[in-house]
Amino acid sequence: MRIQVRRTGGFAGIERHAEVETSGRPDAGEWHALADEAVASGRSTPPLGVPDGFSYRITIDGKTVYCADPRLGEAQRRLISRVLKEGV
């Protein structure tokens, strides 16, 4: 499974992108469960955010959902943080 996260917005307007390929990882099951939960609560179109807030595009194996601060679900928040921290 390929998980991609693109973060835009924020005070400085700096875009950040990272992705993780879970194939062959010993923790792939955890990634898959978290990704499934995050996608289930995502939107098919970009939501309206708040001034200086971040907006996110999450793409998992070609399926894209959108979310934005401050209305991130817990699974979305955990997945985004993990991908931006561990991804390339």
N, C-alpha and C. Protein backbone atom coordinates (compact mmCIF):
# COMPACT_ATOMS: atom_id res chain seq x y z
N MET A 1 0.85 -1.17 0.00
CA MET A 1 0.00 0.00 0.00
C MET A 1 0.90 1.24 0.00
N ARG A 2 0.57 2.17 -0.88
CA ARG A 2 1.30 3.44 -0.94
C ARG A 2 0.41 4.53 -0.35
N ILE A 3 0.92 5.20 0.67
CA ILE A 3 0.18 6.26 1.36
C ILE A 3 0.91 7.57 1.12
N GLN A 4 0.20 8.53 0.54
CA GLN A 4 0.78 9.85 0.26
C GLN A 4 -0.01 10.91 0.99
N VAL A 5 0.71 11.89 1.56
CA VAL A 5 0.08 13.01 2.24
C VAL A 5 0.68 14.29 1.69
N ARG A 6 -0.20 15.24 1.35
CA ARG A 6 0.23 16.57 0.93
C ARG A 6 -0.45 17.57 1.85
N ARG A 7 0.38 18.38 2.52
CA ARG A 7 -0.14 19.40 3.43
C ARG A 7 0.09 20.77 2.80
N THR A 8 -0.94 21.60 2.76
CA THR A 8 -0.83 22.95 2.23
C THR A 8 -1.41 23.92 3.24
N GLY A 9 -1.13 25.20 3.03
CA GLY A 9 -1.69 26.23 3.89
C GLY A 9 -0.77 26.57 5.04
N GLY A 10 -1.37 26.95 6.14
CA GLY A 10 -0.59 27.37 7.30
C GLY A 10 -0.18 28.82 7.17
N PHE A 11 0.40 29.34 8.21
CA PHE A 11 0.78 30.75 8.26
C PHE A 11 1.76 31.12 7.14
N ALA A 12 2.75 30.26 6.90
CA ALA A 12 3.77 30.55 5.89
C ALA A 12 3.38 30.05 4.50
N GLY A 13 2.36 29.23 4.41
CA GLY A 13 1.93 28.72 3.12
C GLY A 13 2.89 27.74 2.47
N ILE A 14 3.69 27.08 3.27
CA ILE A 14 4.67 26.12 2.75
C ILE A 14 4.02 24.75 2.57
N GLU A 15 4.17 24.20 1.38
CA GLU A 15 3.62 22.88 1.08
C GLU A 15 4.61 21.81 1.51
N ARG A 16 4.07 20.72 2.04
CA ARG A 16 4.91 19.59 2.43
C ARG A 16 4.27 18.32 1.91
N HIS A 17 5.11 17.40 1.43
CA HIS A 17 4.62 16.14 0.86
C HIS A 17 5.51 15.01 1.34
N ALA A 18 4.90 13.88 1.65
CA ALA A 18 5.65 12.68 2.01
C ALA A 18 4.83 11.46 1.64
N GLU A 19 5.51 10.34 1.47
CA GLU A 19 4.80 9.09 1.19
C GLU A 19 5.51 7.93 1.85
N VAL A 20 4.71 6.90 2.12
CA VAL A 20 5.21 5.68 2.74
C VAL A 20 4.70 4.51 1.92
N GLU A 21 5.58 3.58 1.62
CA GLU A 21 5.21 2.32 0.97
C GLU A 21 5.23 1.26 2.07
N THR A 22 4.10 0.63 2.31
CA THR A 22 4.01 -0.30 3.43
C THR A 22 4.39 -1.74 3.07
N SER A 23 4.51 -2.05 1.80
CA SER A 23 4.84 -3.41 1.38
C SER A 23 6.14 -3.86 2.02
N GLY A 24 6.10 -5.02 2.64
CA GLY A 24 7.30 -5.60 3.24
C GLY A 24 7.63 -5.06 4.62
N ARG A 25 6.88 -4.12 5.12
CA ARG A 25 7.15 -3.58 6.46
C ARG A 25 6.54 -4.50 7.50
N PRO A 26 7.24 -4.70 8.61
CA PRO A 26 6.68 -5.55 9.66
C PRO A 26 5.43 -4.93 10.30
N ASP A 27 5.26 -3.62 10.21
CA ASP A 27 4.10 -2.95 10.79
C ASP A 27 3.04 -2.59 9.75
N ALA A 28 3.07 -3.28 8.61
CA ALA A 28 2.14 -2.98 7.52
C ALA A 28 0.68 -3.09 7.96
N GLY A 29 0.35 -4.04 8.79
CA GLY A 29 -1.02 -4.20 9.26
C GLY A 29 -1.52 -2.98 10.01
N GLU A 30 -0.65 -2.40 10.83
CA GLU A 30 -1.02 -1.18 11.57
C GLU A 30 -1.28 -0.03 10.61
N TRP A 31 -0.40 0.12 9.63
CA TRP A 31 -0.57 1.18 8.63
C TRP A 31 -1.89 1.01 7.88
N HIS A 32 -2.20 -0.22 7.47
CA HIS A 32 -3.42 -0.48 6.69
C HIS A 32 -4.66 -0.15 7.51
N ALA A 33 -4.69 -0.57 8.77
CA ALA A 33 -5.85 -0.30 9.62
C ALA A 33 -6.02 1.21 9.82
N LEU A 34 -4.93 1.91 10.08
CA LEU A 34 -4.99 3.35 10.28
C LEU A 34 -5.42 4.07 9.00
N ALA A 35 -4.88 3.65 7.87
CA ALA A 35 -5.22 4.26 6.59
C ALA A 35 -6.69 4.04 6.25
N ASP A 36 -7.20 2.84 6.48
CA ASP A 36 -8.61 2.56 6.20
C ASP A 36 -9.52 3.45 7.04
N GLU A 37 -9.18 3.62 8.30
CA GLU A 37 -9.98 4.45 9.19
C GLU A 37 -9.92 5.92 8.78
N ALA A 38 -8.73 6.39 8.40
CA ALA A 38 -8.57 7.79 8.00
C ALA A 38 -9.33 8.10 6.72
N VAL A 39 -9.30 7.19 5.76
CA VAL A 39 -9.99 7.40 4.49
C VAL A 39 -11.51 7.37 4.69
N ALA A 40 -11.98 6.52 5.58
CA ALA A 40 -13.42 6.40 5.81
C ALA A 40 -14.05 7.70 6.27
N SER A 41 -13.27 8.53 6.98
CA SER A 41 -13.83 9.79 7.48
C SER A 41 -13.40 10.99 6.64
N GLY A 42 -12.77 10.74 5.49
CA GLY A 42 -12.34 11.82 4.61
C GLY A 42 -13.45 12.28 3.69
N ARG A 43 -13.21 13.38 3.01
CA ARG A 43 -14.18 13.95 2.07
C ARG A 43 -13.66 13.77 0.65
N SER A 44 -14.58 13.72 -0.29
CA SER A 44 -14.18 13.56 -1.69
C SER A 44 -13.78 14.89 -2.34
N THR A 45 -14.11 16.00 -1.69
CA THR A 45 -13.72 17.32 -2.18
C THR A 45 -13.05 18.08 -1.04
N PRO A 46 -12.16 19.01 -1.36
CA PRO A 46 -11.48 19.76 -0.30
C PRO A 46 -12.48 20.58 0.53
N PRO A 47 -12.43 20.44 1.86
CA PRO A 47 -13.32 21.22 2.72
C PRO A 47 -12.79 22.65 2.90
N LEU A 48 -13.68 23.52 3.33
CA LEU A 48 -13.23 24.86 3.68
C LEU A 48 -12.44 24.77 4.97
N GLY A 49 -11.29 25.37 4.98
CA GLY A 49 -10.46 25.38 6.18
C GLY A 49 -10.66 26.66 6.95
N VAL A 50 -9.74 26.93 7.83
CA VAL A 50 -9.74 28.17 8.61
C VAL A 50 -8.51 28.98 8.21
N PRO A 51 -8.54 30.30 8.41
CA PRO A 51 -7.36 31.10 8.07
C PRO A 51 -6.11 30.55 8.77
N ASP A 52 -5.05 30.43 8.01
CA ASP A 52 -3.75 29.94 8.49
C ASP A 52 -3.78 28.49 8.97
N GLY A 53 -4.85 27.75 8.67
CA GLY A 53 -4.92 26.34 9.02
C GLY A 53 -4.34 25.49 7.89
N PHE A 54 -4.07 24.25 8.18
CA PHE A 54 -3.56 23.33 7.17
C PHE A 54 -4.70 22.58 6.50
N SER A 55 -4.52 22.30 5.23
CA SER A 55 -5.40 21.43 4.46
C SER A 55 -4.58 20.23 4.01
N TYR A 56 -5.22 19.08 3.91
CA TYR A 56 -4.51 17.84 3.61
C TYR A 56 -5.19 17.09 2.48
N ARG A 57 -4.35 16.47 1.65
CA ARG A 57 -4.81 15.54 0.63
C ARG A 57 -4.14 14.21 0.96
N ILE A 58 -4.94 13.20 1.20
CA ILE A 58 -4.43 11.86 1.52
C ILE A 58 -4.78 10.95 0.36
N THR A 59 -3.76 10.34 -0.24
CA THR A 59 -3.97 9.41 -1.35
C THR A 59 -3.43 8.05 -0.96
N ILE A 60 -4.30 7.05 -1.05
CA ILE A 60 -3.92 5.69 -0.69
C ILE A 60 -4.23 4.80 -1.87
N ASP A 61 -3.18 4.29 -2.50
CA ASP A 61 -3.32 3.43 -3.67
C ASP A 61 -4.27 4.03 -4.70
N GLY A 62 -4.11 5.31 -4.98
CA GLY A 62 -4.89 5.97 -6.02
C GLY A 62 -6.22 6.57 -5.58
N LYS A 63 -6.68 6.28 -4.37
CA LYS A 63 -7.92 6.87 -3.86
C LYS A 63 -7.56 8.08 -3.01
N THR A 64 -8.16 9.24 -3.33
CA THR A 64 -7.83 10.49 -2.64
C THR A 64 -9.01 10.99 -1.82
N VAL A 65 -8.69 11.42 -0.60
CA VAL A 65 -9.66 12.11 0.26
C VAL A 65 -9.01 13.38 0.78
N TYR A 66 -9.85 14.28 1.26
CA TYR A 66 -9.38 15.58 1.75
C TYR A 66 -9.88 15.82 3.16
N CYS A 67 -9.10 16.60 3.91
CA CYS A 67 -9.49 17.01 5.25
C CYS A 67 -8.74 18.29 5.59
N ALA A 68 -9.15 18.97 6.66
CA ALA A 68 -8.53 20.23 7.02
C ALA A 68 -8.62 20.46 8.52
N ASP A 69 -7.64 21.20 9.03
CA ASP A 69 -7.70 21.65 10.42
C ASP A 69 -8.84 22.64 10.55
N PRO A 70 -9.50 22.72 11.62
CA PRO A 70 -9.32 21.98 12.87
C PRO A 70 -10.21 20.74 12.96
N ARG A 71 -10.80 20.32 11.85
CA ARG A 71 -11.76 19.22 11.88
C ARG A 71 -11.17 17.89 11.41
N LEU A 72 -9.98 17.59 11.86
CA LEU A 72 -9.38 16.29 11.53
C LEU A 72 -9.90 15.24 12.50
N GLY A 73 -10.18 14.06 11.97
CA GLY A 73 -10.51 12.94 12.84
C GLY A 73 -9.21 12.44 13.49
N GLU A 74 -9.35 11.69 14.55
CA GLU A 74 -8.17 11.19 15.25
C GLU A 74 -7.31 10.30 14.35
N ALA A 75 -7.93 9.42 13.57
CA ALA A 75 -7.17 8.55 12.66
C ALA A 75 -6.46 9.38 11.60
N GLN A 76 -7.12 10.40 11.08
CA GLN A 76 -6.49 11.27 10.09
C GLN A 76 -5.28 11.96 10.69
N ARG A 77 -5.45 12.50 11.89
CA ARG A 77 -4.34 13.20 12.56
C ARG A 77 -3.15 12.28 12.77
N ARG A 78 -3.42 11.05 13.23
CA ARG A 78 -2.33 10.10 13.48
C ARG A 78 -1.64 9.68 12.18
N LEU A 79 -2.45 9.41 11.13
CA LEU A 79 -1.87 9.00 9.86
C LEU A 79 -1.04 10.12 9.25
N ILE A 80 -1.57 11.33 9.22
CA ILE A 80 -0.84 12.47 8.66
C ILE A 80 0.48 12.68 9.39
N SER A 81 0.44 12.69 10.71
CA SER A 81 1.66 12.88 11.50
C SER A 81 2.68 11.79 11.22
N ARG A 82 2.21 10.58 11.16
CA ARG A 82 3.13 9.46 10.95
C ARG A 82 3.76 9.47 9.56
N VAL A 83 2.95 9.76 8.53
CA VAL A 83 3.49 9.80 7.18
C VAL A 83 4.48 10.97 7.03
N LEU A 84 4.12 12.13 7.53
CA LEU A 84 5.03 13.29 7.41
C LEU A 84 6.32 13.08 8.22
N LYS A 85 6.25 12.30 9.28
CA LYS A 85 7.43 12.03 10.10
C LYS A 85 8.32 10.93 9.49
N GLU A 86 7.71 9.83 9.05
CA GLU A 86 8.46 8.67 8.60
C GLU A 86 8.64 8.59 7.08
N GLY A 87 7.82 9.32 6.34
CA GLY A 87 7.85 9.20 4.88
C GLY A 87 8.98 9.97 4.24
N VAL A 88 9.09 9.74 2.94
CA VAL A 88 10.11 10.43 2.15
C VAL A 88 9.44 11.30 1.11
